[in-house]
Amino acid sequence: MAAFTGWRLTRAGIIVVIGVVLLTALAFVSVYIVVQRGEQARRDEAIAVAEEQLTADTEVIAEETPAKEAAVVAVNDTANAEAAAPVAEVLPETGASPAVIIIAATITMAGAYYVQSRRAVRGL
């Protein structure tokens, strides 16, 4: 194997480096997926609130009999709807915590490294 200033590359070392790189990539991908799911859940909730308000507004307009009053109410409701944007009070849960995934992957990699090092010691 090649020698770099006193360091010698071994198969176990290469496997550990590859494992760390894969764990890091897994962590970043997991965080990205969780963030995207959270944003999508917030969008879906905002759309549901907007549809609910629209349904309530159309029911109020349908109950009004004169056309003039219905037009005034519609103009006022749209102005009020634009002024107050719907805000979600509680964000929905969107899956496992990234920390749990990272911890599980770290324990798995440590176990695999231990088993491989034990096999290497027995082989010497």
PDB file of N, CA and C in Angstrom:
ATOM      1  N   MET A   1       0.828  -1.175   0.000  1.00  0.00           N
ATOM      2  CA  MET A   1       0.000   0.000   0.000  1.00  0.00           C
ATOM      3  C   MET A   1       0.877   1.244   0.000  1.00  0.00           C
ATOM      4  N   ALA A   2       0.271   2.353  -0.297  1.00  0.00           N
ATOM      5  CA  ALA A   2       1.013   3.616  -0.377  1.00  0.00           C
ATOM      6  C   ALA A   2       1.234   4.189   1.015  1.00  0.00           C
ATOM      7  N   ALA A   3       2.352   4.888   1.179  1.00  0.00           N
ATOM      8  CA  ALA A   3       2.667   5.523   2.456  1.00  0.00           C
ATOM      9  C   ALA A   3       2.659   7.035   2.273  1.00  0.00           C
ATOM     10  N   PHE A   4       1.931   7.745   3.138  1.00  0.00           N
ATOM     11  CA  PHE A   4       1.858   9.204   3.105  1.00  0.00           C
ATOM     12  C   PHE A   4       2.338   9.742   4.446  1.00  0.00           C
ATOM     13  N   THR A   5       3.574  10.216   4.512  1.00  0.00           N
ATOM     14  CA  THR A   5       4.171  10.827   5.710  1.00  0.00           C
ATOM     15  C   THR A   5       3.896  10.018   6.969  1.00  0.00           C
ATOM     16  N   GLY A   6       4.212   8.784   6.946  1.00  0.00           N
ATOM     17  CA  GLY A   6       4.051   7.951   8.131  1.00  0.00           C
ATOM     18  C   GLY A   6       2.703   7.284   8.257  1.00  0.00           C
ATOM     19  N   TRP A   7       1.738   7.652   7.435  1.00  0.00           N
ATOM     20  CA  TRP A   7       0.417   7.038   7.478  1.00  0.00           C
ATOM     21  C   TRP A   7       0.351   5.969   6.406  1.00  0.00           C
ATOM     22  N   ARG A   8      -0.196   4.857   6.758  1.00  0.00           N
ATOM     23  CA  ARG A   8      -0.335   3.772   5.810  1.00  0.00           C
ATOM     24  C   ARG A   8      -1.813   3.495   5.551  1.00  0.00           C
ATOM     25  N   LEU A   9      -2.196   3.467   4.299  1.00  0.00           N
ATOM     26  CA  LEU A   9      -3.587   3.196   3.955  1.00  0.00           C
ATOM     27  C   LEU A   9      -3.852   1.693   4.089  1.00  0.00           C
ATOM     28  N   THR A  10      -4.924   1.376   4.803  1.00  0.00           N
ATOM     29  CA  THR A  10      -5.336  -0.016   4.946  1.00  0.00           C
ATOM     30  C   THR A  10      -6.777  -0.155   4.480  1.00  0.00           C
ATOM     31  N   ARG A  11      -7.187  -1.371   4.288  1.00  0.00           N
ATOM     32  CA  ARG A  11      -8.560  -1.601   3.862  1.00  0.00           C
ATOM     33  C   ARG A  11      -9.541  -1.126   4.934  1.00  0.00           C
ATOM     34  N   ALA A  12      -9.227  -1.390   6.186  1.00  0.00           N
ATOM     35  CA  ALA A  12     -10.114  -0.975   7.277  1.00  0.00           C
ATOM     36  C   ALA A  12     -10.220   0.546   7.336  1.00  0.00           C
ATOM     37  N   GLY A  13      -9.097   1.228   7.133  1.00  0.00           N
ATOM     38  CA  GLY A  13      -9.114   2.691   7.146  1.00  0.00           C
ATOM     39  C   GLY A  13      -9.948   3.261   6.018  1.00  0.00           C
ATOM     40  N   ILE A  14      -9.817   2.661   4.844  1.00  0.00           N
ATOM     41  CA  ILE A  14     -10.593   3.115   3.693  1.00  0.00           C
ATOM     42  C   ILE A  14     -12.079   2.886   3.939  1.00  0.00           C
ATOM     43  N   ILE A  15     -12.410   1.740   4.533  1.00  0.00           N
ATOM     44  CA  ILE A  15     -13.821   1.444   4.820  1.00  0.00           C
ATOM     45  C   ILE A  15     -14.375   2.441   5.833  1.00  0.00           C
ATOM     46  N   VAL A  16     -13.588   2.803   6.840  1.00  0.00           N
ATOM     47  CA  VAL A  16     -14.046   3.778   7.833  1.00  0.00           C
ATOM     48  C   VAL A  16     -14.268   5.132   7.174  1.00  0.00           C
ATOM     49  N   VAL A  17     -13.354   5.564   6.328  1.00  0.00           N
ATOM     50  CA  VAL A  17     -13.508   6.852   5.646  1.00  0.00           C
ATOM     51  C   VAL A  17     -14.748   6.843   4.755  1.00  0.00           C
ATOM     52  N   ILE A  18     -14.931   5.774   4.014  1.00  0.00           N
ATOM     53  CA  ILE A  18     -16.117   5.670   3.160  1.00  0.00           C
ATOM     54  C   ILE A  18     -17.383   5.663   4.020  1.00  0.00           C
ATOM     55  N   GLY A  19     -17.348   4.955   5.150  1.00  0.00           N
ATOM     56  CA  GLY A  19     -18.502   4.933   6.050  1.00  0.00           C
ATOM     57  C   GLY A  19     -18.833   6.315   6.597  1.00  0.00           C
ATOM     58  N   VAL A  20     -17.826   7.072   6.969  1.00  0.00           N
ATOM     59  CA  VAL A  20     -18.057   8.429   7.490  1.00  0.00           C
ATOM     60  C   VAL A  20     -18.638   9.321   6.401  1.00  0.00           C
ATOM     61  N   VAL A  21     -18.097   9.206   5.201  1.00  0.00           N
ATOM     62  CA  VAL A  21     -18.625  10.007   4.089  1.00  0.00           C
ATOM     63  C   VAL A  21     -20.085   9.636   3.813  1.00  0.00           C
ATOM     64  N   LEU A  22     -20.394   8.349   3.810  1.00  0.00           N
ATOM     65  CA  LEU A  22     -21.775   7.916   3.574  1.00  0.00           C
ATOM     66  C   LEU A  22     -22.712   8.369   4.689  1.00  0.00           C
ATOM     67  N   LEU A  23     -22.250   8.299   5.937  1.00  0.00           N
ATOM     68  CA  LEU A  23     -23.074   8.770   7.055  1.00  0.00           C
ATOM     69  C   LEU A  23     -23.340  10.267   6.955  1.00  0.00           C
ATOM     70  N   THR A  24     -22.322  11.018   6.570  1.00  0.00           N
ATOM     71  CA  THR A  24     -22.503  12.459   6.410  1.00  0.00           C
ATOM     72  C   THR A  24     -23.516  12.744   5.302  1.00  0.00           C
ATOM     73  N   ALA A  25     -23.390  12.042   4.186  1.00  0.00           N
ATOM     74  CA  ALA A  25     -24.340  12.222   3.093  1.00  0.00           C
ATOM     75  C   ALA A  25     -25.749  11.828   3.535  1.00  0.00           C
ATOM     76  N   LEU A  26     -25.859  10.733   4.280  1.00  0.00           N
ATOM     77  CA  LEU A  26     -27.162  10.302   4.788  1.00  0.00           C
ATOM     78  C   LEU A  26     -27.761  11.353   5.714  1.00  0.00           C
ATOM     79  N   ALA A  27     -26.938  11.962   6.547  1.00  0.00           N
ATOM     80  CA  ALA A  27     -27.429  12.990   7.464  1.00  0.00           C
ATOM     81  C   ALA A  27     -27.953  14.197   6.690  1.00  0.00           C
ATOM     82  N   PHE A  28     -27.199  14.654   5.692  1.00  0.00           N
ATOM     83  CA  PHE A  28     -27.639  15.811   4.916  1.00  0.00           C
ATOM     84  C   PHE A  28     -28.906  15.511   4.133  1.00  0.00           C
ATOM     85  N   VAL A  29     -28.987  14.344   3.536  1.00  0.00           N
ATOM     86  CA  VAL A  29     -30.182  13.965   2.779  1.00  0.00           C
ATOM     87  C   VAL A  29     -31.389  13.848   3.706  1.00  0.00           C
ATOM     88  N   SER A  30     -31.186  13.286   4.884  1.00  0.00           N
ATOM     89  CA  SER A  30     -32.291  13.153   5.847  1.00  0.00           C
ATOM     90  C   SER A  30     -32.810  14.512   6.280  1.00  0.00           C
ATOM     91  N   VAL A  31     -31.913  15.418   6.579  1.00  0.00           N
ATOM     92  CA  VAL A  31     -32.330  16.767   6.988  1.00  0.00           C
ATOM     93  C   VAL A  31     -33.060  17.446   5.843  1.00  0.00           C
ATOM     94  N   TYR A  32     -32.575  17.303   4.626  1.00  0.00           N
ATOM     95  CA  TYR A  32     -33.227  17.917   3.474  1.00  0.00           C
ATOM     96  C   TYR A  32     -34.648  17.379   3.291  1.00  0.00           C
ATOM     97  N   ILE A  33     -34.796  16.061   3.402  1.00  0.00           N
ATOM     98  CA  ILE A  33     -36.117  15.445   3.232  1.00  0.00           C
ATOM     99  C   ILE A  33     -37.074  15.907   4.318  1.00  0.00           C
ATOM    100  N   VAL A  34     -36.605  15.973   5.554  1.00  0.00           N
ATOM    101  CA  VAL A  34     -37.462  16.415   6.661  1.00  0.00           C
ATOM    102  C   VAL A  34     -37.895  17.859   6.460  1.00  0.00           C
ATOM    103  N   VAL A  35     -36.983  18.711   6.028  1.00  0.00           N
ATOM    104  CA  VAL A  35     -37.327  20.121   5.798  1.00  0.00           C
ATOM    105  C   VAL A  35     -38.352  20.233   4.678  1.00  0.00           C
ATOM    106  N   GLN A  36     -38.157  19.494   3.595  1.00  0.00           N
ATOM    107  CA  GLN A  36     -39.099  19.549   2.487  1.00  0.00           C
ATOM    108  C   GLN A  36     -40.483  19.049   2.891  1.00  0.00           C
ATOM    109  N   ARG A  37     -40.532  17.976   3.672  1.00  0.00           N
ATOM    110  CA  ARG A  37     -41.829  17.455   4.130  1.00  0.00           C
ATOM    111  C   ARG A  37     -42.525  18.448   5.041  1.00  0.00           C
ATOM    112  N   GLY A  38     -41.757  19.128   5.891  1.00  0.00           N
ATOM    113  CA  GLY A  38     -42.337  20.123   6.786  1.00  0.00           C
ATOM    114  C   GLY A  38     -42.909  21.303   6.018  1.00  0.00           C
ATOM    115  N   GLU A  39     -42.173  21.772   5.013  1.00  0.00           N
ATOM    116  CA  GLU A  39     -42.675  22.880   4.203  1.00  0.00           C
ATOM    117  C   GLU A  39     -43.929  22.473   3.439  1.00  0.00           C
ATOM    118  N   GLN A  40     -43.951  21.257   2.917  1.00  0.00           N
ATOM    119  CA  GLN A  40     -45.132  20.791   2.188  1.00  0.00           C
ATOM    120  C   GLN A  40     -46.335  20.678   3.118  1.00  0.00           C
ATOM    121  N   ALA A  41     -46.107  20.208   4.344  1.00  0.00           N
ATOM    122  CA  ALA A  41     -47.213  20.104   5.312  1.00  0.00           C
ATOM    123  C   ALA A  41     -47.758  21.487   5.646  1.00  0.00           C
ATOM    124  N   ARG A  42     -46.873  22.467   5.798  1.00  0.00           N
ATOM    125  CA  ARG A  42     -47.330  23.839   6.074  1.00  0.00           C
ATOM    126  C   ARG A  42     -48.119  24.395   4.901  1.00  0.00           C
ATOM    127  N   ARG A  43     -47.654  24.128   3.686  1.00  0.00           N
ATOM    128  CA  ARG A  43     -48.389  24.601   2.504  1.00  0.00           C
ATOM    129  C   ARG A  43     -49.769  23.962   2.430  1.00  0.00           C
ATOM    130  N   ASP A  44     -49.826  22.654   2.665  1.00  0.00           N
ATOM    131  CA  ASP A  44     -51.109  21.954   2.622  1.00  0.00           C
ATOM    132  C   ASP A  44     -52.073  22.503   3.667  1.00  0.00           C
ATOM    133  N   GLU A  45     -51.552  22.794   4.853  1.00  0.00           N
ATOM    134  CA  GLU A  45     -52.409  23.337   5.907  1.00  0.00           C
ATOM    135  C   GLU A  45     -52.896  24.732   5.545  1.00  0.00           C
ATOM    136  N   ALA A  46     -52.034  25.556   4.963  1.00  0.00           N
ATOM    137  CA  ALA A  46     -52.439  26.903   4.554  1.00  0.00           C
ATOM    138  C   ALA A  46     -53.494  26.838   3.454  1.00  0.00           C
ATOM    139  N   ILE A  47     -53.337  25.899   2.531  1.00  0.00           N
ATOM    140  CA  ILE A  47     -54.332  25.737   1.463  1.00  0.00           C
ATOM    141  C   ILE A  47     -55.662  25.297   2.047  1.00  0.00           C
ATOM    142  N   ALA A  48     -55.637  24.381   3.017  1.00  0.00           N
ATOM    143  CA  ALA A  48     -56.889  23.920   3.636  1.00  0.00           C
ATOM    144  C   ALA A  48     -57.590  25.059   4.364  1.00  0.00           C
ATOM    145  N   VAL A  49     -56.826  25.896   5.069  1.00  0.00           N
ATOM    146  CA  VAL A  49     -57.420  27.036   5.779  1.00  0.00           C
ATOM    147  C   VAL A  49     -58.005  28.019   4.777  1.00  0.00           C
ATOM    148  N   ALA A  50     -57.291  28.276   3.687  1.00  0.00           N
ATOM    149  CA  ALA A  50     -57.791  29.206   2.671  1.00  0.00           C
ATOM    150  C   ALA A  50     -59.063  28.674   2.020  1.00  0.00           C
ATOM    151  N   GLU A  51     -59.112  27.374   1.731  1.00  0.00           N
ATOM    152  CA  GLU A  51     -60.323  26.798   1.145  1.00  0.00           C
ATOM    153  C   GLU A  51     -61.489  26.872   2.114  1.00  0.00           C
ATOM    154  N   GLU A  52     -61.203  26.653   3.405  1.00  0.00           N
ATOM    155  CA  GLU A  52     -62.264  26.741   4.411  1.00  0.00           C
ATOM    156  C   GLU A  52     -62.812  28.161   4.497  1.00  0.00           C
ATOM    157  N   GLN A  53     -61.925  29.144   4.471  1.00  0.00           N
ATOM    158  CA  GLN A  53     -62.379  30.540   4.508  1.00  0.00           C
ATOM    159  C   GLN A  53     -63.160  30.892   3.249  1.00  0.00           C
ATOM    160  N   LEU A  54     -62.720  30.388   2.099  1.00  0.00           N
ATOM    161  CA  LEU A  54     -63.417  30.653   0.855  1.00  0.00           C
ATOM    162  C   LEU A  54     -64.817  30.045   0.881  1.00  0.00           C
ATOM    163  N   THR A  55     -64.929  28.841   1.404  1.00  0.00           N
ATOM    164  CA  THR A  55     -66.236  28.195   1.512  1.00  0.00           C
ATOM    165  C   THR A  55     -67.154  28.987   2.442  1.00  0.00           C
ATOM    166  N   ALA A  56     -66.615  29.452   3.563  1.00  0.00           N
ATOM    167  CA  ALA A  56     -67.418  30.238   4.501  1.00  0.00           C
ATOM    168  C   ALA A  56     -67.839  31.556   3.871  1.00  0.00           C
ATOM    169  N   ASP A  57     -66.942  32.183   3.118  1.00  0.00           N
ATOM    170  CA  ASP A  57     -67.273  33.451   2.464  1.00  0.00           C
ATOM    171  C   ASP A  57     -68.343  33.274   1.407  1.00  0.00           C
ATOM    172  N   THR A  58     -68.276  32.191   0.640  1.00  0.00           N
ATOM    173  CA  THR A  58     -69.280  31.981  -0.403  1.00  0.00           C
ATOM    174  C   THR A  58     -70.643  31.662   0.201  1.00  0.00           C
ATOM    175  N   GLU A  59     -70.656  30.983   1.362  1.00  0.00           N
ATOM    176  CA  GLU A  59     -71.936  30.720   2.029  1.00  0.00           C
ATOM    177  C   GLU A  59     -72.567  32.015   2.519  1.00  0.00           C
ATOM    178  N   VAL A  60     -71.761  32.935   3.023  1.00  0.00           N
ATOM    179  CA  VAL A  60     -72.277  34.229   3.487  1.00  0.00           C
ATOM    180  C   VAL A  60     -72.824  35.016   2.316  1.00  0.00           C
ATOM    181  N   ILE A  61     -72.136  34.991   1.205  1.00  0.00           N
ATOM    182  CA  ILE A  61     -72.581  35.736   0.025  1.00  0.00           C
ATOM    183  C   ILE A  61     -73.861  35.125  -0.531  1.00  0.00           C
ATOM    184  N   ALA A  62     -73.961  33.799  -0.507  1.00  0.00           N
ATOM    185  CA  ALA A  62     -75.158  33.142  -1.041  1.00  0.00           C
ATOM    186  C   ALA A  62     -76.393  33.444  -0.201  1.00  0.00           C
ATOM    187  N   GLU A  63     -76.204  33.688   1.093  1.00  0.00           N
ATOM    188  CA  GLU A  63     -77.336  33.973   1.963  1.00  0.00           C
ATOM    189  C   GLU A  63     -77.889  35.378   1.740  1.00  0.00           C
ATOM    190  N   GLU A  64     -77.067  36.281   1.282  1.00  0.00           N
ATOM    191  CA  GLU A  64     -77.520  37.658   1.031  1.00  0.00           C
ATOM    192  C   GLU A  64     -78.441  37.668  -0.189  1.00  0.00           C
ATOM    193  N   THR A  65     -79.587  38.336  -0.066  1.00  0.00           N
ATOM    194  CA  THR A  65     -80.535  38.359  -1.177  1.00  0.00           C
ATOM    195  C   THR A  65     -80.284  39.494  -2.160  1.00  0.00           C
ATOM    196  N   PRO A  66     -80.156  40.723  -1.727  1.00  0.00           N
ATOM    197  CA  PRO A  66     -79.958  41.795  -2.726  1.00  0.00           C
ATOM    198  C   PRO A  66     -78.558  41.700  -3.357  1.00  0.00           C
ATOM    199  N   ALA A  67     -78.464  42.010  -4.603  1.00  0.00           N
ATOM    200  CA  ALA A  67     -77.204  41.913  -5.345  1.00  0.00           C
ATOM    201  C   ALA A  67     -76.205  42.952  -4.854  1.00  0.00           C
ATOM    202  N   LYS A  68     -76.676  44.142  -4.493  1.00  0.00           N
ATOM    203  CA  LYS A  68     -75.759  45.191  -4.033  1.00  0.00           C
ATOM    204  C   LYS A  68     -75.088  44.788  -2.727  1.00  0.00           C
ATOM    205  N   GLU A  69     -75.861  44.285  -1.799  1.00  0.00           N
ATOM    206  CA  GLU A  69     -75.284  43.890  -0.509  1.00  0.00           C
ATOM    207  C   GLU A  69     -74.289  42.751  -0.685  1.00  0.00           C
ATOM    208  N   ALA A  70     -74.598  41.840  -1.589  1.00  0.00           N
ATOM    209  CA  ALA A  70     -73.688  40.723  -1.843  1.00  0.00           C
ATOM    210  C   ALA A  70     -72.371  41.235  -2.415  1.00  0.00           C
ATOM    211  N   ALA A  71     -72.425  42.206  -3.291  1.00  0.00           N
ATOM    212  CA  ALA A  71     -71.207  42.756  -3.885  1.00  0.00           C
ATOM    213  C   ALA A  71     -70.374  43.478  -2.833  1.00  0.00           C
ATOM    214  N   VAL A  72     -71.012  44.230  -1.942  1.00  0.00           N
ATOM    215  CA  VAL A  72     -70.290  44.957  -0.893  1.00  0.00           C
ATOM    216  C   VAL A  72     -69.625  43.976   0.067  1.00  0.00           C
ATOM    217  N   VAL A  73     -70.349  42.926   0.449  1.00  0.00           N
ATOM    218  CA  VAL A  73     -69.794  41.923   1.357  1.00  0.00           C
ATOM    219  C   VAL A  73     -68.602  41.218   0.711  1.00  0.00           C
ATOM    220  N   ALA A  74     -68.729  40.890  -0.573  1.00  0.00           N
ATOM    221  CA  ALA A  74     -67.646  40.209  -1.266  1.00  0.00           C
ATOM    222  C   ALA A  74     -66.390  41.071  -1.314  1.00  0.00           C
ATOM    223  N   VAL A  75     -66.570  42.367  -1.587  1.00  0.00           N
ATOM    224  CA  VAL A  75     -65.422  43.279  -1.639  1.00  0.00           C
ATOM    225  C   VAL A  75     -64.782  43.390  -0.260  1.00  0.00           C
ATOM    226  N   ASN A  76     -65.593  43.527   0.781  1.00  0.00           N
ATOM    227  CA  ASN A  76     -65.064  43.632   2.139  1.00  0.00           C
ATOM    228  C   ASN A  76     -64.369  42.344   2.576  1.00  0.00           C
ATOM    229  N   ASP A  77     -64.954  41.185   2.239  1.00  0.00           N
ATOM    230  CA  ASP A  77     -64.354  39.912   2.629  1.00  0.00           C
ATOM    231  C   ASP A  77     -63.011  39.687   1.939  1.00  0.00           C
ATOM    232  N   THR A  78     -62.930  40.044   0.660  1.00  0.00           N
ATOM    233  CA  THR A  78     -61.648  39.866  -0.028  1.00  0.00           C
ATOM    234  C   THR A  78     -60.602  40.811   0.526  1.00  0.00           C
ATOM    235  N   ALA A  79     -60.983  42.008   0.912  1.00  0.00           N
ATOM    236  CA  ALA A  79     -60.023  42.944   1.503  1.00  0.00           C
ATOM    237  C   ALA A  79     -59.543  42.424   2.853  1.00  0.00           C
ATOM    238  N   ASN A  80     -60.462  41.864   3.654  1.00  0.00           N
ATOM    239  CA  ASN A  80     -60.082  41.310   4.957  1.00  0.00           C
ATOM    240  C   ASN A  80     -59.228  40.054   4.792  1.00  0.00           C
ATOM    241  N   ALA A  81     -59.536  39.237   3.798  1.00  0.00           N
ATOM    242  CA  ALA A  81     -58.770  38.011   3.573  1.00  0.00           C
ATOM    243  C   ALA A  81     -57.343  38.332   3.144  1.00  0.00           C
ATOM    244  N   GLU A  82     -57.169  39.381   2.365  1.00  0.00           N
ATOM    245  CA  GLU A  82     -55.826  39.777   1.951  1.00  0.00           C
ATOM    246  C   GLU A  82     -55.029  40.350   3.111  1.00  0.00           C
ATOM    247  N   ALA A  83     -55.707  41.024   4.035  1.00  0.00           N
ATOM    248  CA  ALA A  83     -55.012  41.648   5.166  1.00  0.00           C
ATOM    249  C   ALA A  83     -54.551  40.609   6.181  1.00  0.00           C
ATOM    250  N   ALA A  84     -55.339  39.574   6.400  1.00  0.00           N
ATOM    251  CA  ALA A  84     -54.996  38.565   7.413  1.00  0.00           C
ATOM    252  C   ALA A  84     -54.651  37.245   6.736  1.00  0.00           C
ATOM    253  N   ALA A  85     -53.377  36.916   6.728  1.00  0.00           N
ATOM    254  CA  ALA A  85     -52.943  35.652   6.138  1.00  0.00           C
ATOM    255  C   ALA A  85     -53.111  34.532   7.161  1.00  0.00           C
ATOM    256  N   PRO A  86     -53.521  33.354   6.737  1.00  0.00           N
ATOM    257  CA  PRO A  86     -53.696  32.252   7.687  1.00  0.00           C
ATOM    258  C   PRO A  86     -52.336  31.792   8.230  1.00  0.00           C
ATOM    259  N   VAL A  87     -52.290  31.565   9.540  1.00  0.00           N
ATOM    260  CA  VAL A  87     -51.056  31.130  10.190  1.00  0.00           C
ATOM    261  C   VAL A  87     -51.353  29.844  10.956  1.00  0.00           C
ATOM    262  N   ALA A  88     -50.522  28.855  10.747  1.00  0.00           N
ATOM    263  CA  ALA A  88     -50.691  27.584  11.453  1.00  0.00           C
ATOM    264  C   ALA A  88     -50.207  27.738  12.894  1.00  0.00           C
ATOM    265  N   GLU A  89     -50.994  27.248  13.846  1.00  0.00           N
ATOM    266  CA  GLU A  89     -50.623  27.370  15.248  1.00  0.00           C
ATOM    267  C   GLU A  89     -49.603  26.304  15.648  1.00  0.00           C
ATOM    268  N   VAL A  90     -49.805  25.080  15.199  1.00  0.00           N
ATOM    269  CA  VAL A  90     -48.911  23.981  15.551  1.00  0.00           C
ATOM    270  C   VAL A  90     -48.455  23.298  14.262  1.00  0.00           C
ATOM    271  N   LEU A  91     -47.152  23.114  14.136  1.00  0.00           N
ATOM    272  CA  LEU A  91     -46.631  22.442  12.954  1.00  0.00           C
ATOM    273  C   LEU A  91     -46.804  20.928  13.097  1.00  0.00           C
ATOM    274  N   PRO A  92     -47.142  20.252  12.022  1.00  0.00           N
ATOM    275  CA  PRO A  92     -47.332  18.802  12.106  1.00  0.00           C
ATOM    276  C   PRO A  92     -45.994  18.071  12.244  1.00  0.00           C
ATOM    277  N   GLU A  93     -46.041  16.895  12.849  1.00  0.00           N
ATOM    278  CA  GLU A  93     -44.855  16.043  12.968  1.00  0.00           C
ATOM    279  C   GLU A  93     -44.583  15.441  11.592  1.00  0.00           C
ATOM    280  N   THR A  94     -43.301  15.407  11.185  1.00  0.00           N
ATOM    281  CA  THR A  94     -42.991  14.955   9.831  1.00  0.00           C
ATOM    282  C   THR A  94     -41.985  13.824   9.795  1.00  0.00           C
ATOM    283  N   GLY A  95     -42.034  12.914  10.736  1.00  0.00           N
ATOM    284  CA  GLY A  95     -41.154  11.753  10.657  1.00  0.00           C
ATOM    285  C   GLY A  95     -40.127  11.712  11.769  1.00  0.00           C
ATOM    286  N   ALA A  96     -39.193  10.794  11.627  1.00  0.00           N
ATOM    287  CA  ALA A  96     -38.181  10.577  12.653  1.00  0.00           C
ATOM    288  C   ALA A  96     -37.204  11.739  12.698  1.00  0.00           C
ATOM    289  N   SER A  97     -36.660  11.954  13.856  1.00  0.00           N
ATOM    290  CA  SER A  97     -35.670  12.999  14.037  1.00  0.00           C
ATOM    291  C   SER A  97     -34.379  12.602  13.328  1.00  0.00           C
ATOM    292  N   PRO A  98     -33.705  13.557  12.697  1.00  0.00           N
ATOM    293  CA  PRO A  98     -32.441  13.221  12.036  1.00  0.00           C
ATOM    294  C   PRO A  98     -31.397  12.707  13.034  1.00  0.00           C
ATOM    295  N   ALA A  99     -31.460  13.153  14.275  1.00  0.00           N
ATOM    296  CA  ALA A  99     -30.499  12.695  15.277  1.00  0.00           C
ATOM    297  C   ALA A  99     -30.642  11.194  15.514  1.00  0.00           C
ATOM    298  N   VAL A 100     -31.860  10.684  15.516  1.00  0.00           N
ATOM    299  CA  VAL A 100     -32.089   9.256  15.729  1.00  0.00           C
ATOM    300  C   VAL A 100     -31.481   8.450  14.580  1.00  0.00           C
ATOM    301  N   ILE A 101     -31.646   8.938  13.378  1.00  0.00           N
ATOM    302  CA  ILE A 101     -31.102   8.241  12.213  1.00  0.00           C
ATOM    303  C   ILE A 101     -29.576   8.245  12.267  1.00  0.00           C
ATOM    304  N   ILE A 102     -28.988   9.373  12.620  1.00  0.00           N
ATOM    305  CA  ILE A 102     -27.525   9.476  12.686  1.00  0.00           C
ATOM    306  C   ILE A 102     -26.974   8.575  13.782  1.00  0.00           C
ATOM    307  N   ILE A 103     -27.628   8.544  14.932  1.00  0.00           N
ATOM    308  CA  ILE A 103     -27.167   7.694  16.031  1.00  0.00           C
ATOM    309  C   ILE A 103     -27.239   6.218  15.635  1.00  0.00           C
ATOM    310  N   ALA A 104     -28.344   5.811  15.016  1.00  0.00           N
ATOM    311  CA  ALA A 104     -28.489   4.419  14.597  1.00  0.00           C
ATOM    312  C   ALA A 104     -27.424   4.046  13.561  1.00  0.00           C
ATOM    313  N   ALA A 105     -27.169   4.927  12.620  1.00  0.00           N
ATOM    314  CA  ALA A 105     -26.156   4.650  11.603  1.00  0.00           C
ATOM    315  C   ALA A 105     -24.763   4.591  12.218  1.00  0.00           C
ATOM    316  N   THR A 106     -24.483   5.455  13.185  1.00  0.00           N
ATOM    317  CA  THR A 106     -23.177   5.456  13.844  1.00  0.00           C
ATOM    318  C   THR A 106     -22.960   4.158  14.618  1.00  0.00           C
ATOM    319  N   ILE A 107     -23.979   3.716  15.324  1.00  0.00           N
ATOM    320  CA  ILE A 107     -23.866   2.465  16.077  1.00  0.00           C
ATOM    321  C   ILE A 107     -23.656   1.291  15.122  1.00  0.00           C
ATOM    322  N   THR A 108     -24.371   1.279  14.010  1.00  0.00           N
ATOM    323  CA  THR A 108     -24.210   0.216  13.021  1.00  0.00           C
ATOM    324  C   THR A 108     -22.798   0.206  12.442  1.00  0.00           C
ATOM    325  N   MET A 109     -22.290   1.380  12.099  1.00  0.00           N
ATOM    326  CA  MET A 109     -20.935   1.459  11.541  1.00  0.00           C
ATOM    327  C   MET A 109     -19.895   1.041  12.580  1.00  0.00           C
ATOM    328  N   ALA A 110     -20.090   1.455  13.838  1.00  0.00           N
ATOM    329  CA  ALA A 110     -19.146   1.058  14.881  1.00  0.00           C
ATOM    330  C   ALA A 110     -19.143  -0.458  15.056  1.00  0.00           C
ATOM    331  N   GLY A 111     -20.316  -1.068  15.032  1.00  0.00           N
ATOM    332  CA  GLY A 111     -20.411  -2.523  15.141  1.00  0.00           C
ATOM    333  C   GLY A 111     -19.733  -3.216  13.978  1.00  0.00           C
ATOM    334  N   ALA A 112     -19.942  -2.709  12.765  1.00  0.00           N
ATOM    335  CA  ALA A 112     -19.304  -3.301  11.591  1.00  0.00           C
ATOM    336  C   ALA A 112     -17.785  -3.152  11.664  1.00  0.00           C
ATOM    337  N   TYR A 113     -17.318  -2.002  12.107  1.00  0.00           N
ATOM    338  CA  TYR A 113     -15.867  -1.790  12.242  1.00  0.00           C
ATOM    339  C   TYR A 113     -15.290  -2.733  13.298  1.00  0.00           C
ATOM    340  N   TYR A 114     -15.982  -2.928  14.404  1.00  0.00           N
ATOM    341  CA  TYR A 114     -15.510  -3.826  15.449  1.00  0.00           C
ATOM    342  C   TYR A 114     -15.402  -5.260  14.928  1.00  0.00           C
ATOM    343  N   VAL A 115     -16.450  -5.722  14.240  1.00  0.00           N
ATOM    344  CA  VAL A 115     -16.435  -7.084  13.711  1.00  0.00           C
ATOM    345  C   VAL A 115     -15.297  -7.248  12.707  1.00  0.00           C
ATOM    346  N   GLN A 116     -15.103  -6.278  11.865  1.00  0.00           N
ATOM    347  CA  GLN A 116     -14.037  -6.368  10.871  1.00  0.00           C
ATOM    348  C   GLN A 116     -12.661  -6.349  11.532  1.00  0.00           C
ATOM    349  N   SER A 117     -12.487  -5.535  12.560  1.00  0.00           N
ATOM    350  CA  SER A 117     -11.176  -5.501  13.228  1.00  0.00           C
ATOM    351  C   SER A 117     -10.904  -6.805  13.976  1.00  0.00           C
ATOM    352  N   ARG A 118     -11.934  -7.413  14.546  1.00  0.00           N
ATOM    353  CA  ARG A 118     -11.760  -8.698  15.225  1.00  0.00           C
ATOM    354  C   ARG A 118     -11.354  -9.777  14.210  1.00  0.00           C
ATOM    355  N   ARG A 119     -11.974  -9.745  13.030  1.00  0.00           N
ATOM    356  CA  ARG A 119     -11.606 -10.715  12.000  1.00  0.00           C
ATOM    357  C   ARG A 119     -10.163 -10.498  11.551  1.00  0.00           C
ATOM    358  N   ALA A 120      -9.751  -9.238  11.456  1.00  0.00           N
ATOM    359  CA  ALA A 120      -8.389  -8.926  11.019  1.00  0.00           C
ATOM    360  C   ALA A 120      -7.377  -9.396  12.075  1.00  0.00           C
ATOM    361  N   VAL A 121      -7.708  -9.236  13.365  1.00  0.00           N
ATOM    362  CA  VAL A 121      -6.791  -9.663  14.427  1.00  0.00           C
ATOM    363  C   VAL A 121      -6.673 -11.178  14.431  1.00  0.00           C
ATOM    364  N   ARG A 122      -7.763 -11.866  14.224  1.00  0.00           N
ATOM    365  CA  ARG A 122      -7.729 -13.333  14.195  1.00  0.00           C
ATOM    366  C   ARG A 122      -6.948 -13.850  12.991  1.00  0.00           C
ATOM    367  N   GLY A 123      -6.977 -13.080  11.913  1.00  0.00           N
ATOM    368  CA  GLY A 123      -6.284 -13.496  10.705  1.00  0.00           C
ATOM    369  C   GLY A 123      -4.775 -13.308  10.797  1.00  0.00           C
ATOM    370  N   LEU A 124      -4.302 -12.491  11.735  1.00  0.00           N
ATOM    371  CA  LEU A 124      -2.846 -12.266  11.865  1.00  0.00           C
ATOM    372  C   LEU A 124      -2.228 -13.394  12.523  1.00  0.00           C
TER     373      LEU A 124
END
